[in-house]
Amino acid sequence: MGAASFPLIQRAIDHFVQDAEDNAEALRAQLSSGDQATLRSSAHRLKGSAANLGALRVAELALEVELLAEGGRLAEAEPVVDELGAAVVDACAALRDYRLDAGSVDEACTA
């Protein structure tokens, strides 16, 4: 990976970290309201962004939520969404370690 890739990677990390708490809250709200389609879509997006950054546990849990929502199994998704929130916090902590200029990432990710 060349030096030119670092700004792109850092922006991706920044966006993931900054949006993580909102994404986790959105998943909980979508689950609570029974919004199956939006829950599936949100989990799908989170799965992709997490996988792109190597946050494999987040991607795995997001896939599980996506599939449960797709199958209309929202009651089964609740504990997975809770576990996903904790995995997001862990992923943010790990991603901060990969920052070249760690001071630019705020302390988001408290899902």
PDB file of N, CA and C in Angstrom:
ATOM      1  N   MET A   1       0.851  -1.171   0.000  1.00  0.00           N
ATOM      2  CA  MET A   1       0.000   0.000   0.000  1.00  0.00           C
ATOM      3  C   MET A   1       0.895   1.232   0.000  1.00  0.00           C
ATOM      4  N   GLY A   2       0.659   2.136  -0.930  1.00  0.00           N
ATOM      5  CA  GLY A   2       1.473   3.333  -1.033  1.00  0.00           C
ATOM      6  C   GLY A   2       1.034   4.418  -0.078  1.00  0.00           C
ATOM      7  N   ALA A   3       1.907   5.410   0.076  1.00  0.00           N
ATOM      8  CA  ALA A   3       1.618   6.528   0.980  1.00  0.00           C
ATOM      9  C   ALA A   3       0.383   7.304   0.539  1.00  0.00           C
ATOM     10  N   ALA A   4       0.083   7.301  -0.759  1.00  0.00           N
ATOM     11  CA  ALA A   4      -1.086   8.024  -1.257  1.00  0.00           C
ATOM     12  C   ALA A   4      -2.389   7.415  -0.741  1.00  0.00           C
ATOM     13  N   SER A   5      -2.357   6.157  -0.339  1.00  0.00           N
ATOM     14  CA  SER A   5      -3.559   5.491   0.167  1.00  0.00           C
ATOM     15  C   SER A   5      -3.911   5.907   1.584  1.00  0.00           C
ATOM     16  N   PHE A   6      -2.940   6.378   2.340  1.00  0.00           N
ATOM     17  CA  PHE A   6      -3.196   6.685   3.743  1.00  0.00           C
ATOM     18  C   PHE A   6      -4.283   7.718   3.977  1.00  0.00           C
ATOM     19  N   PRO A   7      -4.330   8.836   3.235  1.00  0.00           N
ATOM     20  CA  PRO A   7      -5.420   9.785   3.496  1.00  0.00           C
ATOM     21  C   PRO A   7      -6.798   9.172   3.271  1.00  0.00           C
ATOM     22  N   LEU A   8      -6.933   8.337   2.266  1.00  0.00           N
ATOM     23  CA  LEU A   8      -8.217   7.682   1.999  1.00  0.00           C
ATOM     24  C   LEU A   8      -8.588   6.742   3.144  1.00  0.00           C
ATOM     25  N   ILE A   9      -7.641   5.966   3.599  1.00  0.00           N
ATOM     26  CA  ILE A   9      -7.882   5.043   4.702  1.00  0.00           C
ATOM     27  C   ILE A   9      -8.224   5.813   5.974  1.00  0.00           C
ATOM     28  N   GLN A  10      -7.496   6.888   6.217  1.00  0.00           N
ATOM     29  CA  GLN A  10      -7.776   7.682   7.415  1.00  0.00           C
ATOM     30  C   GLN A  10      -9.164   8.298   7.365  1.00  0.00           C
ATOM     31  N   ARG A  11      -9.582   8.756   6.196  1.00  0.00           N
ATOM     32  CA  ARG A  11     -10.945   9.311   6.071  1.00  0.00           C
ATOM     33  C   ARG A  11     -11.978   8.218   6.342  1.00  0.00           C
ATOM     34  N   ALA A  12     -11.738   7.021   5.822  1.00  0.00           N
ATOM     35  CA  ALA A  12     -12.674   5.922   6.057  1.00  0.00           C
ATOM     36  C   ALA A  12     -12.750   5.585   7.548  1.00  0.00           C
ATOM     37  N   ILE A  13     -11.607   5.550   8.205  1.00  0.00           N
ATOM     38  CA  ILE A  13     -11.586   5.294   9.648  1.00  0.00           C
ATOM     39  C   ILE A  13     -12.331   6.403  10.384  1.00  0.00           C
ATOM     40  N   ASP A  14     -12.039   7.643  10.034  1.00  0.00           N
ATOM     41  CA  ASP A  14     -12.710   8.775  10.683  1.00  0.00           C
ATOM     42  C   ASP A  14     -14.232   8.675  10.538  1.00  0.00           C
ATOM     43  N   HIS A  15     -14.697   8.396   9.329  1.00  0.00           N
ATOM     44  CA  HIS A  15     -16.141   8.310   9.102  1.00  0.00           C
ATOM     45  C   HIS A  15     -16.759   7.159   9.899  1.00  0.00           C
ATOM     46  N   PHE A  16     -16.092   6.035   9.903  1.00  0.00           N
ATOM     47  CA  PHE A  16     -16.616   4.896  10.656  1.00  0.00           C
ATOM     48  C   PHE A  16     -16.725   5.245  12.136  1.00  0.00           C
ATOM     49  N   VAL A  17     -15.663   5.795  12.695  1.00  0.00           N
ATOM     50  CA  VAL A  17     -15.637   6.128  14.120  1.00  0.00           C
ATOM     51  C   VAL A  17     -16.670   7.206  14.443  1.00  0.00           C
ATOM     52  N   GLN A  18     -16.734   8.238  13.625  1.00  0.00           N
ATOM     53  CA  GLN A  18     -17.648   9.347  13.902  1.00  0.00           C
ATOM     54  C   GLN A  18     -19.111   8.941  13.761  1.00  0.00           C
ATOM     55  N   ASP A  19     -19.401   7.995  12.878  1.00  0.00           N
ATOM     56  CA  ASP A  19     -20.787   7.590  12.634  1.00  0.00           C
ATOM     57  C   ASP A  19     -21.218   6.385  13.457  1.00  0.00           C
ATOM     58  N   ALA A  20     -20.298   5.755  14.134  1.00  0.00           N
ATOM     59  CA  ALA A  20     -20.579   4.477  14.786  1.00  0.00           C
ATOM     60  C   ALA A  20     -21.688   4.562  15.822  1.00  0.00           C
ATOM     61  N   GLU A  21     -21.633   5.538  16.690  1.00  0.00           N
ATOM     62  CA  GLU A  21     -22.655   5.655  17.737  1.00  0.00           C
ATOM     63  C   GLU A  21     -24.027   5.892  17.117  1.00  0.00           C
ATOM     64  N   ASP A  22     -24.101   6.786  16.137  1.00  0.00           N
ATOM     65  CA  ASP A  22     -25.378   7.043  15.456  1.00  0.00           C
ATOM     66  C   ASP A  22     -25.896   5.797  14.755  1.00  0.00           C
ATOM     67  N   ASN A  23     -24.990   5.043  14.127  1.00  0.00           N
ATOM     68  CA  ASN A  23     -25.408   3.822  13.434  1.00  0.00           C
ATOM     69  C   ASN A  23     -25.949   2.792  14.408  1.00  0.00           C
ATOM     70  N   ALA A  24     -25.291   2.625  15.542  1.00  0.00           N
ATOM     71  CA  ALA A  24     -25.760   1.662  16.545  1.00  0.00           C
ATOM     72  C   ALA A  24     -27.116   2.085  17.102  1.00  0.00           C
ATOM     73  N   GLU A  25     -27.286   3.368  17.366  1.00  0.00           N
ATOM     74  CA  GLU A  25     -28.572   3.867  17.866  1.00  0.00           C
ATOM     75  C   GLU A  25     -29.668   3.697  16.823  1.00  0.00           C
ATOM     76  N   ALA A  26     -29.331   3.937  15.563  1.00  0.00           N
ATOM     77  CA  ALA A  26     -30.313   3.777  14.486  1.00  0.00           C
ATOM     78  C   ALA A  26     -30.774   2.330  14.386  1.00  0.00           C
ATOM     79  N   LEU A  27     -29.839   1.393  14.495  1.00  0.00           N
ATOM     80  CA  LEU A  27     -30.218  -0.023  14.443  1.00  0.00           C
ATOM     81  C   LEU A  27     -31.169  -0.365  15.587  1.00  0.00           C
ATOM     82  N   ARG A  28     -30.874   0.144  16.775  1.00  0.00           N
ATOM     83  CA  ARG A  28     -31.750  -0.130  17.925  1.00  0.00           C
ATOM     84  C   ARG A  28     -33.139   0.466  17.702  1.00  0.00           C
ATOM     85  N   ALA A  29     -33.184   1.691  17.173  1.00  0.00           N
ATOM     86  CA  ALA A  29     -34.473   2.345  16.920  1.00  0.00           C
ATOM     87  C   ALA A  29     -35.262   1.614  15.836  1.00  0.00           C
ATOM     88  N   GLN A  30     -34.591   1.194  14.787  1.00  0.00           N
ATOM     89  CA  GLN A  30     -35.263   0.467  13.707  1.00  0.00           C
ATOM     90  C   GLN A  30     -35.809  -0.864  14.216  1.00  0.00           C
ATOM     91  N   LEU A  31     -35.039  -1.511  15.064  1.00  0.00           N
ATOM     92  CA  LEU A  31     -35.480  -2.770  15.653  1.00  0.00           C
ATOM     93  C   LEU A  31     -36.695  -2.525  16.542  1.00  0.00           C
ATOM     94  N   SER A  32     -36.627  -1.501  17.384  1.00  0.00           N
ATOM     95  CA  SER A  32     -37.727  -1.192  18.304  1.00  0.00           C
ATOM     96  C   SER A  32     -39.021  -0.854  17.576  1.00  0.00           C
ATOM     97  N   SER A  33     -38.880  -0.156  16.446  1.00  0.00           N
ATOM     98  CA  SER A  33     -40.075   0.246  15.697  1.00  0.00           C
ATOM     99  C   SER A  33     -40.555  -0.850  14.745  1.00  0.00           C
ATOM    100  N   GLY A  34     -39.797  -1.928  14.642  1.00  0.00           N
ATOM    101  CA  GLY A  34     -40.193  -3.015  13.757  1.00  0.00           C
ATOM    102  C   GLY A  34     -39.965  -2.709  12.287  1.00  0.00           C
ATOM    103  N   ASP A  35     -39.094  -1.747  12.010  1.00  0.00           N
ATOM    104  CA  ASP A  35     -38.809  -1.338  10.628  1.00  0.00           C
ATOM    105  C   ASP A  35     -37.826  -2.328   9.997  1.00  0.00           C
ATOM    106  N   GLN A  36     -38.353  -3.431   9.579  1.00  0.00           N
ATOM    107  CA  GLN A  36     -37.579  -4.549   9.067  1.00  0.00           C
ATOM    108  C   GLN A  36     -36.720  -4.168   7.864  1.00  0.00           C
ATOM    109  N   ALA A  37     -37.289  -3.462   6.903  1.00  0.00           N
ATOM    110  CA  ALA A  37     -36.558  -3.125   5.669  1.00  0.00           C
ATOM    111  C   ALA A  37     -35.394  -2.179   5.954  1.00  0.00           C
ATOM    112  N   THR A  38     -35.624  -1.169   6.773  1.00  0.00           N
ATOM    113  CA  THR A  38     -34.566  -0.207   7.072  1.00  0.00           C
ATOM    114  C   THR A  38     -33.488  -0.847   7.944  1.00  0.00           C
ATOM    115  N   LEU A  39     -33.880  -1.703   8.866  1.00  0.00           N
ATOM    116  CA  LEU A  39     -32.916  -2.418   9.693  1.00  0.00           C
ATOM    117  C   LEU A  39     -32.009  -3.264   8.813  1.00  0.00           C
ATOM    118  N   ARG A  40     -32.589  -3.972   7.868  1.00  0.00           N
ATOM    119  CA  ARG A  40     -31.803  -4.804   6.956  1.00  0.00           C
ATOM    120  C   ARG A  40     -30.836  -3.956   6.157  1.00  0.00           C
ATOM    121  N   SER A  41     -31.325  -2.846   5.630  1.00  0.00           N
ATOM    122  CA  SER A  41     -30.492  -1.958   4.820  1.00  0.00           C
ATOM    123  C   SER A  41     -29.364  -1.325   5.642  1.00  0.00           C
ATOM    124  N   SER A  42     -29.669  -0.879   6.829  1.00  0.00           N
ATOM    125  CA  SER A  42     -28.662  -0.260   7.695  1.00  0.00           C
ATOM    126  C   SER A  42     -27.589  -1.271   8.098  1.00  0.00           C
ATOM    127  N   ALA A  43     -28.017  -2.471   8.437  1.00  0.00           N
ATOM    128  CA  ALA A  43     -27.059  -3.511   8.803  1.00  0.00           C
ATOM    129  C   ALA A  43     -26.175  -3.866   7.609  1.00  0.00           C
ATOM    130  N   HIS A  44     -26.761  -3.881   6.423  1.00  0.00           N
ATOM    131  CA  HIS A  44     -25.996  -4.170   5.204  1.00  0.00           C
ATOM    132  C   HIS A  44     -24.901  -3.119   4.985  1.00  0.00           C
ATOM    133  N   ARG A  45     -25.245  -1.858   5.138  1.00  0.00           N
ATOM    134  CA  ARG A  45     -24.252  -0.778   4.970  1.00  0.00           C
ATOM    135  C   ARG A  45     -23.150  -0.872   6.020  1.00  0.00           C
ATOM    136  N   LEU A  46     -23.538  -1.114   7.265  1.00  0.00           N
ATOM    137  CA  LEU A  46     -22.553  -1.236   8.337  1.00  0.00           C
ATOM    138  C   LEU A  46     -21.633  -2.421   8.076  1.00  0.00           C
ATOM    139  N   LYS A  47     -22.193  -3.512   7.606  1.00  0.00           N
ATOM    140  CA  LYS A  47     -21.395  -4.702   7.284  1.00  0.00           C
ATOM    141  C   LYS A  47     -20.307  -4.351   6.269  1.00  0.00           C
ATOM    142  N   GLY A  48     -20.670  -3.628   5.231  1.00  0.00           N
ATOM    143  CA  GLY A  48     -19.712  -3.268   4.191  1.00  0.00           C
ATOM    144  C   GLY A  48     -18.614  -2.349   4.683  1.00  0.00           C
ATOM    145  N   SER A  49     -18.988  -1.324   5.413  1.00  0.00           N
ATOM    146  CA  SER A  49     -17.961  -0.382   5.881  1.00  0.00           C
ATOM    147  C   SER A  49     -17.043  -1.048   6.900  1.00  0.00           C
ATOM    148  N   ALA A  50     -17.601  -1.894   7.753  1.00  0.00           N
ATOM    149  CA  ALA A  50     -16.773  -2.599   8.733  1.00  0.00           C
ATOM    150  C   ALA A  50     -15.824  -3.566   8.035  1.00  0.00           C
ATOM    151  N   ALA A  51     -16.319  -4.305   7.069  1.00  0.00           N
ATOM    152  CA  ALA A  51     -15.473  -5.263   6.355  1.00  0.00           C
ATOM    153  C   ALA A  51     -14.349  -4.560   5.615  1.00  0.00           C
ATOM    154  N   ASN A  52     -14.645  -3.419   5.026  1.00  0.00           N
ATOM    155  CA  ASN A  52     -13.616  -2.657   4.307  1.00  0.00           C
ATOM    156  C   ASN A  52     -12.477  -2.223   5.211  1.00  0.00           C
ATOM    157  N   LEU A  53     -12.769  -2.033   6.502  1.00  0.00           N
ATOM    158  CA  LEU A  53     -11.749  -1.584   7.445  1.00  0.00           C
ATOM    159  C   LEU A  53     -11.165  -2.726   8.270  1.00  0.00           C
ATOM    160  N   GLY A  54     -11.596  -3.933   8.004  1.00  0.00           N
ATOM    161  CA  GLY A  54     -11.069  -5.076   8.737  1.00  0.00           C
ATOM    162  C   GLY A  54     -11.721  -5.307  10.091  1.00  0.00           C
ATOM    163  N   ALA A  55     -12.836  -4.646  10.342  1.00  0.00           N
ATOM    164  CA  ALA A  55     -13.581  -4.845  11.590  1.00  0.00           C
ATOM    165  C   ALA A  55     -14.497  -6.059  11.384  1.00  0.00           C
ATOM    166  N   LEU A  56     -13.882  -7.226  11.366  1.00  0.00           N
ATOM    167  CA  LEU A  56     -14.574  -8.431  10.931  1.00  0.00           C
ATOM    168  C   LEU A  56     -15.676  -8.880  11.884  1.00  0.00           C
ATOM    169  N   ARG A  57     -15.508  -8.687  13.185  1.00  0.00           N
ATOM    170  CA  ARG A  57     -16.574  -9.063  14.132  1.00  0.00           C
ATOM    171  C   ARG A  57     -17.800  -8.191  13.914  1.00  0.00           C
ATOM    172  N   VAL A  58     -17.598  -6.910  13.675  1.00  0.00           N
ATOM    173  CA  VAL A  58     -18.718  -6.009  13.387  1.00  0.00           C
ATOM    174  C   VAL A  58     -19.407  -6.457  12.100  1.00  0.00           C
ATOM    175  N   ALA A  59     -18.632  -6.751  11.080  1.00  0.00           N
ATOM    176  CA  ALA A  59     -19.201  -7.179   9.798  1.00  0.00           C
ATOM    177  C   ALA A  59     -19.993  -8.476   9.964  1.00  0.00           C
ATOM    178  N   GLU A  60     -19.460  -9.401  10.732  1.00  0.00           N
ATOM    179  CA  GLU A  60     -20.133 -10.683  10.959  1.00  0.00           C
ATOM    180  C   GLU A  60     -21.472 -10.486  11.674  1.00  0.00           C
ATOM    181  N   LEU A  61     -21.481  -9.676  12.719  1.00  0.00           N
ATOM    182  CA  LEU A  61     -22.718  -9.426  13.464  1.00  0.00           C
ATOM    183  C   LEU A  61     -23.716  -8.624  12.637  1.00  0.00           C
ATOM    184  N   ALA A  62     -23.216  -7.678  11.856  1.00  0.00           N
ATOM    185  CA  ALA A  62     -24.104  -6.898  10.990  1.00  0.00           C
ATOM    186  C   ALA A  62     -24.756  -7.805   9.947  1.00  0.00           C
ATOM    187  N   LEU A  63     -24.005  -8.749   9.409  1.00  0.00           N
ATOM    188  CA  LEU A  63     -24.577  -9.719   8.475  1.00  0.00           C
ATOM    189  C   LEU A  63     -25.674 -10.525   9.153  1.00  0.00           C
ATOM    190  N   GLU A  64     -25.421 -10.949  10.383  1.00  0.00           N
ATOM    191  CA  GLU A  64     -26.438 -11.710  11.117  1.00  0.00           C
ATOM    192  C   GLU A  64     -27.714 -10.889  11.302  1.00  0.00           C
ATOM    193  N   VAL A  65     -27.565  -9.604  11.666  1.00  0.00           N
ATOM    194  CA  VAL A  65     -28.734  -8.731  11.817  1.00  0.00           C
ATOM    195  C   VAL A  65     -29.432  -8.579  10.470  1.00  0.00           C
ATOM    196  N   GLU A  66     -28.663  -8.375   9.420  1.00  0.00           N
ATOM    197  CA  GLU A  66     -29.241  -8.230   8.079  1.00  0.00           C
ATOM    198  C   GLU A  66     -30.093  -9.451   7.715  1.00  0.00           C
ATOM    199  N   LEU A  67     -29.555 -10.634   7.931  1.00  0.00           N
ATOM    200  CA  LEU A  67     -30.271 -11.858   7.574  1.00  0.00           C
ATOM    201  C   LEU A  67     -31.501 -12.078   8.457  1.00  0.00           C
ATOM    202  N   LEU A  68     -31.385 -11.766   9.739  1.00  0.00           N
ATOM    203  CA  LEU A  68     -32.535 -11.892  10.627  1.00  0.00           C
ATOM    204  C   LEU A  68     -33.643 -10.920  10.226  1.00  0.00           C
ATOM    205  N   ALA A  69     -33.263  -9.696   9.911  1.00  0.00           N
ATOM    206  CA  ALA A  69     -34.262  -8.710   9.484  1.00  0.00           C
ATOM    207  C   ALA A  69     -34.911  -9.138   8.170  1.00  0.00           C
ATOM    208  N   GLU A  70     -34.090  -9.624   7.264  1.00  0.00           N
ATOM    209  CA  GLU A  70     -34.613 -10.081   5.975  1.00  0.00           C
ATOM    210  C   GLU A  70     -35.631 -11.205   6.160  1.00  0.00           C
ATOM    211  N   GLY A  71     -35.392 -12.048   7.150  1.00  0.00           N
ATOM    212  CA  GLY A  71     -36.298 -13.156   7.422  1.00  0.00           C
ATOM    213  C   GLY A  71     -37.440 -12.799   8.363  1.00  0.00           C
ATOM    214  N   GLY A  72     -37.522 -11.535   8.770  1.00  0.00           N
ATOM    215  CA  GLY A  72     -38.593 -11.109   9.660  1.00  0.00           C
ATOM    216  C   GLY A  72     -38.446 -11.621  11.080  1.00  0.00           C
ATOM    217  N   ARG A  73     -37.253 -11.987  11.470  1.00  0.00           N
ATOM    218  CA  ARG A  73     -37.006 -12.560  12.796  1.00  0.00           C
ATOM    219  C   ARG A  73     -36.433 -11.491  13.724  1.00  0.00           C
ATOM    220  N   LEU A  74     -37.219 -10.445  13.934  1.00  0.00           N
ATOM    221  CA  LEU A  74     -36.740  -9.286  14.692  1.00  0.00           C
ATOM    222  C   LEU A  74     -36.495  -9.600  16.157  1.00  0.00           C
ATOM    223  N   ALA A  75     -37.283 -10.475  16.744  1.00  0.00           N
ATOM    224  CA  ALA A  75     -37.069 -10.817  18.152  1.00  0.00           C
ATOM    225  C   ALA A  75     -35.688 -11.454  18.345  1.00  0.00           C
ATOM    226  N   GLU A  76     -35.263 -12.246  17.392  1.00  0.00           N
ATOM    227  CA  GLU A  76     -33.949 -12.880  17.467  1.00  0.00           C
ATOM    228  C   GLU A  76     -32.819 -11.877  17.220  1.00  0.00           C
ATOM    229  N   ALA A  77     -33.144 -10.768  16.564  1.00  0.00           N
ATOM    230  CA  ALA A  77     -32.123  -9.770  16.230  1.00  0.00           C
ATOM    231  C   ALA A  77     -31.739  -8.913  17.430  1.00  0.00           C
ATOM    232  N   GLU A  78     -32.612  -8.806  18.407  1.00  0.00           N
ATOM    233  CA  GLU A  78     -32.351  -7.900  19.535  1.00  0.00           C
ATOM    234  C   GLU A  78     -31.028  -8.180  20.250  1.00  0.00           C
ATOM    235  N   PRO A  79     -30.750  -9.415  20.692  1.00  0.00           N
ATOM    236  CA  PRO A  79     -29.461  -9.632  21.361  1.00  0.00           C
ATOM    237  C   PRO A  79     -28.271  -9.452  20.422  1.00  0.00           C
ATOM    238  N   VAL A  80     -28.466  -9.699  19.148  1.00  0.00           N
ATOM    239  CA  VAL A  80     -27.376  -9.527  18.181  1.00  0.00           C
ATOM    240  C   VAL A  80     -27.075  -8.042  18.004  1.00  0.00           C
ATOM    241  N   VAL A  81     -28.115  -7.208  17.975  1.00  0.00           N
ATOM    242  CA  VAL A  81     -27.916  -5.756  17.880  1.00  0.00           C
ATOM    243  C   VAL A  81     -27.176  -5.248  19.109  1.00  0.00           C
ATOM    244  N   ASP A  82     -27.502  -5.783  20.275  1.00  0.00           N
ATOM    245  CA  ASP A  82     -26.788  -5.387  21.494  1.00  0.00           C
ATOM    246  C   ASP A  82     -25.312  -5.787  21.405  1.00  0.00           C
ATOM    247  N   GLU A  83     -25.060  -6.999  20.957  1.00  0.00           N
ATOM    248  CA  GLU A  83     -23.680  -7.466  20.808  1.00  0.00           C
ATOM    249  C   GLU A  83     -22.943  -6.653  19.748  1.00  0.00           C
ATOM    250  N   LEU A  84     -23.659  -6.286  18.707  1.00  0.00           N
ATOM    251  CA  LEU A  84     -23.076  -5.469  17.645  1.00  0.00           C
ATOM    252  C   LEU A  84     -22.640  -4.107  18.177  1.00  0.00           C
ATOM    253  N   GLY A  85     -23.449  -3.507  19.039  1.00  0.00           N
ATOM    254  CA  GLY A  85     -23.074  -2.223  19.631  1.00  0.00           C
ATOM    255  C   GLY A  85     -21.763  -2.319  20.386  1.00  0.00           C
ATOM    256  N   ALA A  86     -21.587  -3.377  21.149  1.00  0.00           N
ATOM    257  CA  ALA A  86     -20.333  -3.579  21.896  1.00  0.00           C
ATOM    258  C   ALA A  86     -19.169  -3.831  20.941  1.00  0.00           C
ATOM    259  N   ALA A  87     -19.412  -4.581  19.873  1.00  0.00           N
ATOM    260  CA  ALA A  87     -18.352  -4.855  18.897  1.00  0.00           C
ATOM    261  C   ALA A  87     -17.921  -3.591  18.174  1.00  0.00           C
ATOM    262  N   VAL A  88     -18.850  -2.690  17.942  1.00  0.00           N
ATOM    263  CA  VAL A  88     -18.522  -1.412  17.302  1.00  0.00           C
ATOM    264  C   VAL A  88     -17.587  -0.601  18.194  1.00  0.00           C
ATOM    265  N   VAL A  89     -17.870  -0.571  19.484  1.00  0.00           N
ATOM    266  CA  VAL A  89     -17.006   0.152  20.425  1.00  0.00           C
ATOM    267  C   VAL A  89     -15.590  -0.430  20.391  1.00  0.00           C
ATOM    268  N   ASP A  90     -15.503  -1.751  20.412  1.00  0.00           N
ATOM    269  CA  ASP A  90     -14.193  -2.403  20.350  1.00  0.00           C
ATOM    270  C   ASP A  90     -13.474  -2.099  19.040  1.00  0.00           C
ATOM    271  N   ALA A  91     -14.217  -2.126  17.940  1.00  0.00           N
ATOM    272  CA  ALA A  91     -13.619  -1.847  16.627  1.00  0.00           C
ATOM    273  C   ALA A  91     -13.097  -0.420  16.565  1.00  0.00           C
ATOM    274  N   CYS A  92     -13.842   0.509  17.117  1.00  0.00           N
ATOM    275  CA  CYS A  92     -13.388   1.907  17.108  1.00  0.00           C
ATOM    276  C   CYS A  92     -12.084   2.056  17.879  1.00  0.00           C
ATOM    277  N   ALA A  93     -11.992   1.395  19.012  1.00  0.00           N
ATOM    278  CA  ALA A  93     -10.755   1.459  19.797  1.00  0.00           C
ATOM    279  C   ALA A  93      -9.585   0.904  18.988  1.00  0.00           C
ATOM    280  N   ALA A  94      -9.804  -0.213  18.321  1.00  0.00           N
ATOM    281  CA  ALA A  94      -8.744  -0.807  17.510  1.00  0.00           C
ATOM    282  C   ALA A  94      -8.394   0.080  16.317  1.00  0.00           C
ATOM    283  N   LEU A  95      -9.387   0.669  15.691  1.00  0.00           N
ATOM    284  CA  LEU A  95      -9.136   1.518  14.524  1.00  0.00           C
ATOM    285  C   LEU A  95      -8.368   2.781  14.900  1.00  0.00           C
ATOM    286  N   ARG A  96      -8.607   3.296  16.087  1.00  0.00           N
ATOM    287  CA  ARG A  96      -7.856   4.474  16.532  1.00  0.00           C
ATOM    288  C   ARG A  96      -6.358   4.180  16.571  1.00  0.00           C
ATOM    289  N   ASP A  97      -6.000   2.951  16.874  1.00  0.00           N
ATOM    290  CA  ASP A  97      -4.587   2.561  16.927  1.00  0.00           C
ATOM    291  C   ASP A  97      -3.922   2.596  15.555  1.00  0.00           C
ATOM    292  N   TYR A  98      -4.713   2.539  14.491  1.00  0.00           N
ATOM    293  CA  TYR A  98      -4.167   2.541  13.138  1.00  0.00           C
ATOM    294  C   TYR A  98      -4.028   3.937  12.558  1.00  0.00           C
ATOM    295  N   ARG A  99      -4.492   4.919  13.279  1.00  0.00           N
ATOM    296  CA  ARG A  99      -4.414   6.300  12.802  1.00  0.00           C
ATOM    297  C   ARG A  99      -2.972   6.782  12.829  1.00  0.00           C
ATOM    298  N   LEU A 100      -2.582   7.494  11.800  1.00  0.00           N
ATOM    299  CA  LEU A 100      -1.255   8.109  11.791  1.00  0.00           C
ATOM    300  C   LEU A 100      -1.225   9.351  12.661  1.00  0.00           C
ATOM    301  N   ASP A 101      -2.339  10.066  12.686  1.00  0.00           N
ATOM    302  CA  ASP A 101      -2.447  11.289  13.491  1.00  0.00           C
ATOM    303  C   ASP A 101      -3.659  11.119  14.402  1.00  0.00           C
ATOM    304  N   ALA A 102      -3.494  10.307  15.431  1.00  0.00           N
ATOM    305  CA  ALA A 102      -4.612   9.870  16.285  1.00  0.00           C
ATOM    306  C   ALA A 102      -5.409  11.025  16.858  1.00  0.00           C
ATOM    307  N   GLY A 103      -4.834  12.181  16.955  1.00  0.00           N
ATOM    308  CA  GLY A 103      -5.558  13.323  17.520  1.00  0.00           C
ATOM    309  C   GLY A 103      -6.715  13.796  16.669  1.00  0.00           C
ATOM    310  N   SER A 104      -6.784  13.400  15.411  1.00  0.00           N
ATOM    311  CA  SER A 104      -7.849  13.901  14.546  1.00  0.00           C
ATOM    312  C   SER A 104      -9.146  13.144  14.712  1.00  0.00           C
ATOM    313  N   VAL A 105      -9.130  12.003  15.391  1.00  0.00           N
ATOM    314  CA  VAL A 105     -10.351  11.232  15.603  1.00  0.00           C
ATOM    315  C   VAL A 105     -10.852  11.553  16.992  1.00  0.00           C
ATOM    316  N   ASP A 106     -12.082  12.048  17.062  1.00  0.00           N
ATOM    317  CA  ASP A 106     -12.626  12.390  18.365  1.00  0.00           C
ATOM    318  C   ASP A 106     -12.993  11.124  19.128  1.00  0.00           C
ATOM    319  N   GLU A 107     -13.557  11.288  20.264  1.00  0.00           N
ATOM    320  CA  GLU A 107     -13.870  10.144  21.120  1.00  0.00           C
ATOM    321  C   GLU A 107     -15.282   9.632  20.865  1.00  0.00           C
ATOM    322  N   ALA A 108     -15.687   9.544  19.611  1.00  0.00           N
ATOM    323  CA  ALA A 108     -16.967   8.938  19.273  1.00  0.00           C
ATOM    324  C   ALA A 108     -16.865   7.451  19.555  1.00  0.00           C
ATOM    325  N   CYS A 109     -17.874   6.717  19.184  1.00  0.00           N
ATOM    326  CA  CYS A 109     -17.891   5.260  19.362  1.00  0.00           C
ATOM    327  C   CYS A 109     -18.104   4.870  20.802  1.00  0.00           C
ATOM    328  N   THR A 110     -19.154   5.312  21.367  1.00  0.00           N
ATOM    329  CA  THR A 110     -19.495   4.888  22.712  1.00  0.00           C
ATOM    330  C   THR A 110     -20.815   4.140  22.700  1.00  0.00           C
ATOM    331  N   ALA A 111     -21.092   3.522  21.549  1.00  0.00           N
ATOM    332  CA  ALA A 111     -22.375   2.811  21.383  1.00  0.00           C
ATOM    333  C   ALA A 111     -22.563   1.858  22.509  1.00  0.00           C
TER     334      ALA A 111
END
